[in-house]
Protein backbone atom coordinates (compact mmCIF):
# COMPACT_ATOMS: atom_id res chain seq x y z
CA UNK A 1 123.19 86.87 124.32
CA UNK A 2 123.88 89.41 121.84
CA UNK A 3 127.03 88.74 119.48
CA UNK A 4 128.91 90.95 117.35
CA UNK A 5 129.68 90.35 113.67
CA UNK A 6 133.10 89.88 114.45
CA UNK A 7 132.28 87.14 117.32
CA UNK A 8 130.18 85.70 114.34
CA UNK A 9 132.31 85.75 111.41
CA UNK A 10 134.86 83.79 113.81
CA UNK A 11 132.37 81.19 114.52
CA UNK A 12 130.47 81.08 111.66
CA UNK A 13 131.78 83.04 108.80
CA UNK A 14 129.12 82.23 106.24
CA UNK A 15 126.64 83.03 108.77
CA UNK A 16 127.98 87.04 109.29
CA UNK A 17 125.42 90.17 108.66
CA UNK A 18 127.94 92.11 106.77
CA UNK A 19 125.12 95.13 105.77
CA UNK A 20 126.11 96.83 109.25
CA UNK A 21 129.50 97.43 108.08
CA UNK A 22 127.27 100.76 106.48
CA UNK A 23 127.38 102.58 109.66
CA UNK A 24 131.50 103.01 109.20
CA UNK A 25 132.64 106.42 108.18
CA UNK A 26 134.55 105.59 105.22
CA UNK A 27 131.22 104.78 103.51
CA UNK A 28 130.62 107.94 101.00
CA UNK A 29 127.57 110.12 100.06
CA UNK A 30 126.53 109.19 96.22
CA UNK A 31 128.25 112.25 94.35
CA UNK A 32 125.22 114.12 92.87
CA UNK A 33 124.31 114.59 89.36
CA UNK A 34 123.89 118.01 89.43
CA UNK A 35 124.95 121.32 92.18
CA UNK A 36 123.24 124.35 91.49
CA UNK A 37 124.32 128.16 93.26
CA UNK A 38 122.58 129.84 95.39
CA UNK A 39 120.10 131.98 93.34
CA UNK A 40 120.78 130.37 89.67
CA UNK A 41 117.96 128.13 87.77
CA UNK A 42 120.58 125.97 86.12
CA UNK A 43 123.47 123.58 87.81
CA UNK A 44 126.73 124.95 87.99
CA UNK A 45 128.04 120.81 88.21
CA UNK A 46 126.48 118.56 86.14
CA UNK A 47 128.23 115.10 85.80
CA UNK A 48 129.54 113.44 82.76
CA UNK A 49 126.93 110.64 82.98
CA UNK A 50 123.69 113.07 82.16
CA UNK A 51 125.59 115.68 80.14
CA UNK A 52 124.62 113.83 76.55
CA UNK A 53 121.46 111.72 76.26
CA UNK A 54 121.21 107.85 75.60
CA UNK A 55 121.43 108.64 72.01
CA UNK A 56 124.51 110.23 72.39
CA UNK A 57 123.61 114.11 71.84
CA UNK A 58 124.59 116.95 74.18
CA UNK A 59 122.17 117.53 77.03
CA UNK A 60 121.56 121.12 76.30
CA UNK A 61 118.33 120.99 79.52
CA UNK A 62 121.30 120.54 82.35
CA UNK A 63 124.37 122.25 80.36
CA UNK A 64 125.24 126.26 79.78
CA UNK A 65 124.08 127.86 76.32
CA UNK A 66 122.02 124.61 75.96
CA UNK A 67 125.31 122.42 75.75
CA UNK A 68 126.98 124.34 72.52
CA UNK A 69 130.10 124.84 74.16
CA UNK A 70 130.69 121.49 75.33
CA UNK A 71 128.76 120.00 71.88
CA UNK A 72 131.93 122.27 70.57
CA UNK A 73 134.44 120.87 72.63
CA UNK A 74 133.50 117.05 71.92
CA UNK A 75 133.86 117.64 68.39
CA UNK A 76 137.29 118.72 68.45
CA UNK A 77 140.50 116.95 66.72
CA UNK A 78 141.73 114.12 69.06
CA UNK A 79 145.57 113.17 69.94
CA UNK A 80 146.11 109.50 70.99
CA UNK A 81 142.77 108.83 71.42
CA UNK A 82 141.43 111.78 73.49
CA UNK A 83 140.04 115.74 73.17
CA UNK A 84 143.45 117.73 74.84
CA UNK A 85 141.99 120.91 77.03
CA UNK A 86 143.74 123.04 78.65
CA UNK A 87 143.07 125.95 81.02
CA UNK A 88 139.90 127.84 80.85
CA UNK A 89 139.73 130.85 83.21
CA UNK A 90 136.52 132.19 84.27
CA UNK A 91 135.85 136.08 85.19
CA UNK A 92 135.15 136.21 89.16
CA UNK A 93 134.76 139.42 90.75
CA UNK A 94 137.68 139.81 93.28
CA UNK A 95 137.26 137.99 96.62
CA UNK A 96 140.59 137.88 99.48
CA UNK A 97 144.06 137.90 99.12
CA UNK A 98 145.86 134.63 98.14
CA UNK A 99 149.88 134.96 96.93
CA UNK A 100 150.44 133.84 100.54
CA UNK A 101 150.14 130.69 103.15
CA UNK A 102 149.77 133.78 105.39
CA UNK A 103 147.11 135.38 103.20
CA UNK A 104 145.24 132.16 102.54
CA UNK A 105 145.07 131.57 106.24
CA UNK A 106 144.35 135.02 107.77
CA UNK A 107 141.55 135.72 104.91
CA UNK A 108 139.45 132.80 104.56
CA UNK A 109 136.90 131.77 106.39
CA UNK A 110 138.08 128.07 107.97
CA UNK A 111 141.37 126.22 106.93
CA UNK A 112 139.68 122.47 107.13
CA UNK A 113 142.41 119.35 107.18
CA UNK A 114 139.83 116.54 105.38
CA UNK A 115 140.17 113.69 103.75
CA UNK A 116 138.83 113.03 100.13
CA UNK A 117 135.51 110.64 100.39
CA UNK A 118 134.45 110.51 96.77
CA UNK A 119 134.83 111.75 93.28
CA UNK A 120 133.34 112.03 89.85
CA UNK A 121 133.92 113.67 86.51
CA UNK A 122 131.83 115.77 84.78
CA UNK A 123 131.50 119.67 84.07
CA UNK A 124 131.65 122.86 86.10
CA UNK A 125 129.94 125.56 83.97
CA UNK A 126 130.83 123.94 80.88
CA UNK A 127 134.47 123.01 82.16
CA UNK A 128 135.98 119.48 82.37
CA UNK A 129 137.18 118.27 85.32
CA UNK A 130 136.43 116.68 88.52
CA UNK A 131 134.32 117.19 91.34
CA UNK A 132 135.35 115.75 95.03
CA UNK A 133 133.61 114.71 97.77
CA UNK A 134 135.76 115.76 101.11
CA UNK A 135 135.46 114.61 104.39
CA UNK A 136 136.41 117.50 107.15
CA UNK A 137 138.65 116.00 110.08
CA UNK A 138 139.81 119.09 111.80
CA UNK A 139 138.56 122.83 111.58
CA UNK A 140 140.25 125.79 112.47
CA UNK A 141 137.97 129.05 112.21
CA UNK A 142 134.42 128.95 111.64
CA UNK A 143 132.43 125.87 112.54
CA UNK A 144 131.51 122.91 109.60
CA UNK A 145 128.12 121.61 110.31
CA UNK A 146 128.23 118.74 107.23
CA UNK A 147 129.73 115.98 107.11
CA UNK A 148 130.53 115.89 103.94
CA UNK A 149 131.53 119.21 101.33
CA UNK A 150 132.39 119.07 97.31
CA UNK A 151 134.26 121.22 95.21
CA UNK A 152 136.04 121.39 91.94
CA UNK A 153 138.99 121.04 89.89
CA UNK A 154 139.16 121.60 86.44
CA UNK A 155 141.82 118.79 85.85
CA UNK A 156 140.83 114.79 84.80
CA UNK A 157 140.79 112.25 82.13
CA UNK A 158 137.21 110.64 81.60
CA UNK A 159 134.57 109.49 79.03
CA UNK A 160 131.41 111.40 78.00
CA UNK A 161 129.51 109.24 75.75
CA UNK A 162 131.57 107.91 72.95
CA UNK A 163 134.46 110.86 73.46
CA UNK A 164 137.36 110.80 76.04
CA UNK A 165 138.63 114.08 77.30
CA UNK A 166 141.78 115.07 78.82
CA UNK A 167 141.25 118.20 80.89
CA UNK A 168 144.67 120.22 82.05
CA UNK A 169 145.50 123.15 84.50
CA UNK A 170 148.59 123.62 85.88
CA UNK A 171 147.73 126.14 88.64
CA UNK A 172 146.24 123.40 90.37
CA UNK A 173 147.90 120.70 92.84
CA UNK A 174 147.60 117.70 91.52
CA UNK A 175 144.01 116.31 92.53
CA UNK A 176 144.20 113.72 95.90
CA UNK A 177 142.79 109.91 95.04
CA UNK A 178 139.86 108.51 97.73
CA UNK A 179 141.47 108.31 100.59
CA UNK A 180 144.58 110.48 100.30
CA UNK A 181 144.67 113.71 102.44
CA UNK A 182 143.87 117.73 101.48
CA UNK A 183 143.88 121.03 103.15
CA UNK A 184 140.92 123.40 102.21
CA UNK A 185 140.95 127.46 102.40
CA UNK A 186 137.16 128.30 101.95
CA UNK A 187 134.83 130.98 102.63
CA UNK A 188 131.06 130.43 102.82
CA UNK A 189 129.23 127.05 100.59
CA UNK A 190 127.88 129.23 97.56
CA UNK A 191 125.38 126.35 96.96
CA UNK A 192 121.55 126.20 98.16
CA UNK A 193 122.35 122.94 100.21
CA UNK A 194 125.80 124.64 101.65
CA UNK A 195 128.03 121.85 101.14
CA UNK A 196 129.69 123.23 97.87
CA UNK A 197 132.95 125.08 97.71
CA UNK A 198 134.23 127.30 95.27
CA UNK A 199 137.53 127.57 95.15
CA UNK A 200 140.75 128.90 93.45
CA UNK A 201 143.51 127.21 92.53
CA UNK A 202 145.39 128.36 95.66
CA UNK A 203 142.85 127.14 98.01
CA UNK A 204 143.64 123.31 97.66
CA UNK A 205 147.16 122.08 99.13
CA UNK A 206 147.59 117.96 99.00
CA UNK A 207 149.16 116.30 101.64
CA UNK A 208 151.07 113.58 100.97
CA UNK A 209 151.21 110.02 102.57
CA UNK A 210 155.47 111.25 103.60
CA UNK A 211 153.79 114.86 105.00
CA UNK A 212 155.03 116.57 101.94
CA UNK A 213 152.94 119.18 100.25
CA UNK A 214 151.71 118.96 96.76
CA UNK A 215 151.66 123.22 96.06
CA UNK A 216 149.11 125.02 93.63
CA UNK A 217 151.61 126.53 90.90
CA UNK A 218 151.48 130.35 92.86
CA UNK A 219 152.66 128.95 96.18
CA UNK A 220 155.21 126.49 94.99
CA UNK A 221 157.10 129.29 93.08
CA UNK A 222 157.02 131.79 95.56
CA UNK A 223 160.11 132.47 97.54
CA UNK A 224 157.89 133.21 100.21
CA UNK A 225 156.97 130.00 100.97
CA UNK A 226 158.12 128.45 103.99
CA UNK A 227 155.93 125.84 104.50
CA UNK A 228 156.49 122.14 102.37
CA UNK A 229 155.17 119.36 105.05
CA UNK A 230 151.66 119.10 107.14
CA UNK A 231 153.33 119.52 110.35
CA UNK A 232 154.76 123.20 108.94
CA UNK A 233 151.13 123.92 108.12
CA UNK A 234 149.20 122.94 110.67
CA UNK A 235 151.30 124.83 113.23
CA UNK A 236 151.48 127.85 111.55
CA UNK A 237 147.53 127.56 111.28
CA UNK A 238 147.44 126.93 115.31
CA UNK A 239 149.25 130.30 115.95
CA UNK A 240 146.83 132.31 113.63
CA UNK A 241 143.31 129.75 114.07
CA UNK A 242 141.28 128.22 116.71
CA UNK A 243 140.48 124.80 116.41
CA UNK A 244 136.70 124.19 116.29
CA UNK A 245 135.28 120.93 117.32
CA UNK A 246 133.26 119.25 114.94
């Protein structure tokens, strides 16, 4: 007779075979050390663990400009034991309108309600911050096929070798912790494996436990913003985009 792990743990708690729990949805994929954009040779994302060598020098083999920009950053004077780094803006070609929820819902490829399932710290094109892994739970618009996706936020406090970096950028909503919920307004994945979203500040909205939203600066400061809760957002999206099954 086949006995479940729960039954065994009740009768003989020392003999339950717990590795079977690895199949649960909460188990997350290992965070990638690097991610490379489609058509590129060098990685765009580099985890902090490989940004420096075991000798403590910058790893120019994986970082842009042979690591010159990161080396300069790590050599900056520290304040209270931390190298303070503010917003760093990248030049990008014009893509789609993002000035309001209406723009985001209308012009994105899909609207995704997701759960943060992992995170790591490192560099995106030499900019410090965090890579978040998300598990889509509801999708409106174009279908998503993967279990996990990734996106980068240039915010976070973390160590690189012997140096602590404190990176801030007030344009972005506060990144969620593992287990928290978010809404993403996405385009096509940009990497070789079709699992990395390149997002602007307006494309990421945090969802708090009470259902209130953490808005990026552009939306929070806009007089046209009428959406402040998850239920308001879902109602708005439903009126404009078809929900697809995963």
